[in-house]
C-alpha atoms as a PDB file:
ATOM      1  CA  MET A   1      77.941  57.375  50.906  1.00  0.00           C
ATOM      2  CA  MET A   2      81.015  59.543  51.339  1.00  0.00           C
ATOM      3  CA  VAL A   3      81.349  62.974  52.943  1.00  0.00           C
ATOM      4  CA  CYS A   4      83.168  65.201  50.467  1.00  0.00           C
ATOM      5  CA  GLY A   5      83.016  68.487  52.384  1.00  0.00           C
ATOM      6  CA  ASP A   6      81.336  70.483  55.080  1.00  0.00           C
ATOM      7  CA  THR A   7      80.765  74.048  56.136  1.00  0.00           C
ATOM      8  CA  GLY A   8      79.089  75.720  59.067  1.00  0.00           C
ATOM      9  CA  SER A   9      77.734  78.792  57.353  1.00  0.00           C
ATOM     10  CA  ILE A  10      75.396  79.632  54.531  1.00  0.00           C
ATOM     11  CA  SER A  11      77.819  82.169  53.086  1.00  0.00           C
ATOM     12  CA  ASP A  12      80.532  79.509  52.678  1.00  0.00           C
ATOM     13  CA  ALA A  13      78.213  76.809  51.301  1.00  0.00           C
ATOM     14  CA  PRO A  14      78.017  77.790  47.595  1.00  0.00           C
ATOM     15  CA  GLY A  15      81.811  77.834  47.241  1.00  0.00           C
ATOM     16  CA  LYS A  16      82.226  74.502  49.000  1.00  0.00           C
ATOM     17  CA  ILE A  17      79.488  72.935  46.884  1.00  0.00           C
ATOM     18  CA  ALA A  18      81.117  74.227  43.687  1.00  0.00           C
ATOM     19  CA  GLU A  19      84.436  72.784  44.874  1.00  0.00           C
ATOM     20  CA  CYS A  20      83.131  69.362  45.935  1.00  0.00           C
ATOM     21  CA  GLN A  21      80.371  68.824  43.320  1.00  0.00           C
ATOM     22  CA  PRO A  22      78.223  66.625  45.610  1.00  0.00           C
ATOM     23  CA  GLN A  23      75.285  64.535  44.442  1.00  0.00           C
ATOM     24  CA  LEU A  24      73.508  65.060  47.776  1.00  0.00           C
ATOM     25  CA  LEU A  25      73.527  68.001  50.174  1.00  0.00           C
ATOM     26  CA  LEU A  26      72.503  67.435  53.780  1.00  0.00           C
ATOM     27  CA  THR A  27      71.704  70.695  55.543  1.00  0.00           C
ATOM     28  CA  ALA A  28      69.989  71.966  58.644  1.00  0.00           C
ATOM     29  CA  LEU A  29      66.953  74.160  58.201  1.00  0.00           C
ATOM     30  CA  ARG A  30      68.717  76.811  60.267  1.00  0.00           C
ATOM     31  CA  LEU A  31      72.440  77.472  60.081  1.00  0.00           C
ATOM     32  CA  GLY A  32      73.406  79.978  62.733  1.00  0.00           C
ATOM     33  CA  ALA A  33      71.024  82.916  62.556  1.00  0.00           C
ATOM     34  CA  GLN A  34      70.024  82.206  58.946  1.00  0.00           C
ATOM     35  CA  ASP A  35      67.661  79.703  57.394  1.00  0.00           C
ATOM     36  CA  SER A  36      68.620  77.513  54.456  1.00  0.00           C
ATOM     37  CA  LEU A  37      65.599  78.212  52.250  1.00  0.00           C
ATOM     38  CA  LYS A  38      67.309  80.935  50.184  1.00  0.00           C
ATOM     39  CA  LEU A  39      70.371  78.736  49.816  1.00  0.00           C
ATOM     40  CA  ILE A  40      68.233  75.813  48.627  1.00  0.00           C
ATOM     41  CA  LYS A  41      66.534  78.001  46.017  1.00  0.00           C
ATOM     42  CA  GLN A  42      69.906  79.327  44.773  1.00  0.00           C
ATOM     43  CA  LEU A  43      71.446  75.884  44.540  1.00  0.00           C
ATOM     44  CA  LYS A  44      68.502  74.332  42.702  1.00  0.00           C
ATOM     45  CA  THR A  45      68.552  77.202  40.195  1.00  0.00           C
ATOM     46  CA  LYS A  46      72.216  76.495  39.431  1.00  0.00           C
ATOM     47  CA  ASN A  47      72.034  72.690  39.646  1.00  0.00           C
ATOM     48  CA  ALA A  48      68.577  71.147  39.282  1.00  0.00           C
ATOM     49  CA  ALA A  49      70.011  67.621  39.645  1.00  0.00           C
ATOM     50  CA  LEU A  50      71.416  68.279  43.130  1.00  0.00           C
ATOM     51  CA  ARG A  51      69.465  66.390  45.763  1.00  0.00           C
ATOM     52  CA  ILE A  52      68.989  68.315  48.997  1.00  0.00           C
ATOM     53  CA  LEU A  53      67.956  66.717  52.273  1.00  0.00           C
ATOM     54  CA  VAL A  54      66.993  69.094  55.095  1.00  0.00           C
ATOM     55  CA  TYR A  55      66.842  68.204  58.768  1.00  0.00           C
ATOM     56  CA  SER A  56      65.299  70.283  61.513  1.00  0.00           C
ATOM     57  CA  ALA A  57      64.635  70.273  65.231  1.00  0.00           C
ATOM     58  CA  TYR A  58      61.306  71.997  64.590  1.00  0.00           C
ATOM     59  CA  ASP A  59      58.288  69.750  64.975  1.00  0.00           C
ATOM     60  CA  GLU A  60      55.922  71.753  62.788  1.00  0.00           C
ATOM     61  CA  ASN A  61      55.034  70.513  59.287  1.00  0.00           C
ATOM     62  CA  ILE A  62      55.104  74.035  57.845  1.00  0.00           C
ATOM     63  CA  PHE A  63      58.901  74.034  57.906  1.00  0.00           C
ATOM     64  CA  ALA A  64      59.046  70.806  55.897  1.00  0.00           C
ATOM     65  CA  GLU A  65      56.580  72.226  53.390  1.00  0.00           C
ATOM     66  CA  ARG A  66      58.642  75.401  52.979  1.00  0.00           C
ATOM     67  CA  ALA A  67      61.834  73.408  52.428  1.00  0.00           C
ATOM     68  CA  MET A  68      60.155  71.247  49.791  1.00  0.00           C
ATOM     69  CA  ARG A  69      58.759  74.299  47.985  1.00  0.00           C
ATOM     70  CA  ALA A  70      62.253  75.818  48.005  1.00  0.00           C
ATOM     71  CA  GLY A  71      63.527  72.744  46.150  1.00  0.00           C
ATOM     72  CA  ALA A  72      64.579  70.254  48.809  1.00  0.00           C
ATOM     73  CA  SER A  73      64.184  66.577  47.952  1.00  0.00           C
ATOM     74  CA  GLY A  74      63.176  65.644  51.470  1.00  0.00           C
END
């Protein structure tokens, strides 16, 4: 596995992903004050083959379910 890019904000993520063309995106459920669910939905609409792995400090299963429904792979 190789890191091809990173960003700390949701607004910068689509541009960085377009630039790097990753096979896997690792993202936090929350980035700053925003959550990643909208971003996940956008990215999967544009690139259905992109695998997205979401991590979270939240212990509740509902957050995992929401991420999976948004299009995350795990």
